[in-house]
N, C-alpha and C. Protein backbone atom coordinates (compact mmCIF):
# COMPACT_ATOMS: atom_id res chain seq x y z
N MET A 1 -55.13 -48.77 -19.03
CA MET A 1 -54.01 -48.21 -18.72
C MET A 1 -52.91 -49.15 -19.03
N ILE A 2 -51.66 -49.05 -19.46
CA ILE A 2 -50.57 -49.65 -20.32
C ILE A 2 -49.53 -49.42 -18.83
N TRP A 3 -49.20 -50.84 -18.51
CA TRP A 3 -47.67 -50.75 -17.28
C TRP A 3 -46.45 -50.70 -18.62
N VAL A 4 -45.70 -50.32 -18.38
CA VAL A 4 -44.46 -50.17 -19.17
C VAL A 4 -43.34 -50.58 -18.46
N VAL A 5 -42.44 -51.81 -18.76
CA VAL A 5 -41.64 -52.46 -18.05
C VAL A 5 -40.33 -52.60 -18.78
N VAL A 6 -39.02 -51.95 -18.43
CA VAL A 6 -37.94 -51.77 -19.28
C VAL A 6 -36.76 -52.46 -18.57
N ASP A 7 -36.33 -53.28 -19.31
CA ASP A 7 -35.00 -54.12 -18.78
C ASP A 7 -33.61 -52.92 -19.03
N ARG A 8 -33.19 -52.52 -18.05
CA ARG A 8 -32.22 -50.94 -18.69
C ARG A 8 -30.83 -51.97 -19.05
N LEU A 9 -31.00 -53.14 -18.96
CA LEU A 9 -29.52 -53.87 -19.40
C LEU A 9 -29.67 -53.97 -21.15
N THR A 10 -30.47 -54.67 -21.55
CA THR A 10 -30.85 -55.05 -22.43
C THR A 10 -31.77 -54.18 -23.32
N LYS A 11 -32.28 -53.26 -22.96
CA LYS A 11 -32.79 -52.11 -23.56
C LYS A 11 -34.10 -52.59 -24.06
N SER A 12 -34.57 -53.86 -23.56
CA SER A 12 -36.09 -54.34 -23.99
C SER A 12 -36.82 -53.79 -23.27
N SER A 13 -38.23 -53.45 -23.91
CA SER A 13 -39.49 -53.00 -23.38
C SER A 13 -40.99 -53.98 -23.23
N HIS A 14 -41.78 -53.67 -21.98
CA HIS A 14 -42.49 -54.74 -22.49
C HIS A 14 -43.74 -53.68 -21.72
N PHE A 15 -44.59 -53.94 -23.04
CA PHE A 15 -46.27 -52.93 -22.44
C PHE A 15 -47.22 -53.90 -22.13
N ILE A 16 -47.96 -53.81 -21.17
CA ILE A 16 -49.07 -54.80 -20.35
C ILE A 16 -50.22 -54.03 -20.53
N ALA A 17 -51.12 -54.55 -20.79
CA ALA A 17 -52.58 -53.86 -20.53
C ALA A 17 -53.22 -53.85 -19.20
N ILE A 18 -53.13 -53.47 -18.42
CA ILE A 18 -53.95 -53.79 -17.08
C ILE A 18 -55.08 -52.44 -16.59
N LYS A 19 -55.79 -52.88 -15.46
CA LYS A 19 -57.22 -52.05 -15.35
C LYS A 19 -56.58 -51.19 -14.26
N THR A 20 -57.43 -50.02 -14.48
CA THR A 20 -56.64 -48.99 -13.33
C THR A 20 -57.55 -49.49 -12.41
N GLY A 21 -56.81 -49.30 -11.02
CA GLY A 21 -57.10 -49.77 -9.76
C GLY A 21 -56.42 -50.81 -9.51
N MET A 22 -55.66 -51.74 -10.27
CA MET A 22 -55.51 -53.46 -9.99
C MET A 22 -54.51 -53.19 -8.57
N LEU A 23 -55.40 -54.15 -7.61
CA LEU A 23 -54.17 -54.40 -6.22
C LEU A 23 -52.60 -54.90 -6.71
N VAL A 24 -51.29 -54.67 -5.96
CA VAL A 24 -50.38 -54.67 -5.83
C VAL A 24 -50.45 -56.85 -6.03
N PRO A 25 -50.92 -57.45 -4.83
CA PRO A 25 -50.82 -58.49 -5.34
C PRO A 25 -50.72 -59.11 -7.01
N LYS A 26 -52.02 -58.65 -7.46
CA LYS A 26 -52.44 -59.18 -8.86
C LYS A 26 -51.04 -58.17 -9.67
N LEU A 27 -50.58 -57.40 -9.02
CA LEU A 27 -49.80 -56.66 -10.52
C LEU A 27 -48.58 -57.62 -10.10
N ALA A 28 -47.82 -58.11 -9.15
CA ALA A 28 -47.09 -59.08 -8.68
C ALA A 28 -47.17 -60.16 -9.16
N GLU A 29 -48.47 -61.06 -9.57
CA GLU A 29 -48.46 -61.80 -10.30
C GLU A 29 -48.35 -61.80 -11.96
N ILE A 30 -48.77 -60.71 -12.32
CA ILE A 30 -48.47 -60.53 -13.80
C ILE A 30 -46.95 -60.28 -13.89
N TYR A 31 -46.36 -59.63 -13.18
CA TYR A 31 -44.78 -59.70 -13.35
C TYR A 31 -44.02 -60.80 -13.54
N VAL A 32 -44.52 -61.67 -12.19
CA VAL A 32 -43.79 -62.91 -12.46
C VAL A 32 -44.04 -63.51 -13.76
N GLU A 33 -45.52 -63.90 -13.97
CA GLU A 33 -45.94 -64.09 -15.43
C GLU A 33 -45.54 -63.64 -16.66
N GLN A 34 -45.35 -62.29 -16.46
CA GLN A 34 -44.94 -61.95 -18.00
C GLN A 34 -43.45 -61.55 -18.20
N ILE A 35 -42.78 -60.94 -16.91
CA ILE A 35 -41.26 -60.75 -17.13
C ILE A 35 -40.65 -61.44 -16.13
N VAL A 36 -40.42 -61.77 -15.29
CA VAL A 36 -40.04 -63.07 -14.76
C VAL A 36 -39.57 -64.05 -15.34
N ARG A 37 -40.53 -64.69 -15.91
CA ARG A 37 -40.40 -65.85 -16.49
C ARG A 37 -39.12 -65.77 -18.13
N LEU A 38 -39.29 -64.43 -18.40
CA LEU A 38 -38.54 -64.33 -19.71
C LEU A 38 -37.20 -63.92 -19.09
N HIS A 39 -36.77 -62.93 -18.16
CA HIS A 39 -35.56 -62.90 -17.42
C HIS A 39 -34.82 -63.28 -16.35
N GLY A 40 -35.48 -63.43 -15.80
CA GLY A 40 -35.33 -63.79 -14.14
C GLY A 40 -35.72 -62.93 -13.28
N ILE A 41 -35.00 -63.01 -11.85
CA ILE A 41 -35.55 -62.34 -11.11
C ILE A 41 -34.61 -60.91 -10.80
N PRO A 42 -35.16 -59.87 -10.71
CA PRO A 42 -34.51 -58.39 -10.90
C PRO A 42 -33.02 -58.44 -9.99
N TRP A 43 -32.49 -57.60 -10.55
CA TRP A 43 -31.37 -57.31 -9.09
C TRP A 43 -31.88 -56.18 -8.63
N SER A 44 -32.31 -55.31 -8.91
CA SER A 44 -33.18 -54.34 -8.47
C SER A 44 -34.24 -53.81 -9.17
N ILE A 45 -35.25 -52.90 -8.76
CA ILE A 45 -36.86 -52.45 -9.50
C ILE A 45 -36.90 -50.73 -9.33
N VAL A 46 -37.05 -50.09 -10.19
CA VAL A 46 -37.23 -48.98 -10.34
C VAL A 46 -38.52 -48.41 -10.31
N SER A 47 -39.38 -47.59 -9.75
CA SER A 47 -40.95 -47.42 -9.87
C SER A 47 -41.10 -45.88 -10.04
N ASP A 48 -41.91 -45.26 -10.74
CA ASP A 48 -42.56 -44.02 -10.54
C ASP A 48 -43.01 -43.49 -9.41
N ARG A 49 -42.73 -44.11 -8.61
CA ARG A 49 -43.20 -43.80 -6.46
C ARG A 49 -44.10 -43.82 -6.80
N ASP A 50 -45.63 -44.44 -7.52
CA ASP A 50 -46.74 -45.01 -7.28
C ASP A 50 -46.99 -45.31 -6.12
N PRO A 51 -48.02 -44.61 -5.41
CA PRO A 51 -48.32 -44.56 -3.74
C PRO A 51 -48.56 -46.35 -3.34
N ARG A 52 -48.65 -47.09 -4.52
CA ARG A 52 -48.77 -48.63 -4.64
C ARG A 52 -47.88 -49.51 -3.97
N PHE A 53 -46.63 -48.57 -4.56
CA PHE A 53 -45.35 -49.22 -4.49
C PHE A 53 -44.44 -48.76 -3.69
N THR A 54 -45.03 -47.66 -3.11
CA THR A 54 -43.97 -47.26 -1.62
C THR A 54 -44.61 -47.54 -0.24
N SER A 55 -43.68 -47.71 0.47
CA SER A 55 -44.14 -48.04 1.88
C SER A 55 -44.16 -47.03 2.87
């Protein structure tokens, strides 16, 4: 599965290979390692409403 992360300000995209069924704590770790280290902490996050990301 490919996780697509788009920075709407710079219009840059990141494509991250992940395993299907990966849990949220691991996704958060990958997000920090791959995205936050490059762009800093985001002001907001827009998701596709996957049940893993909604409360």
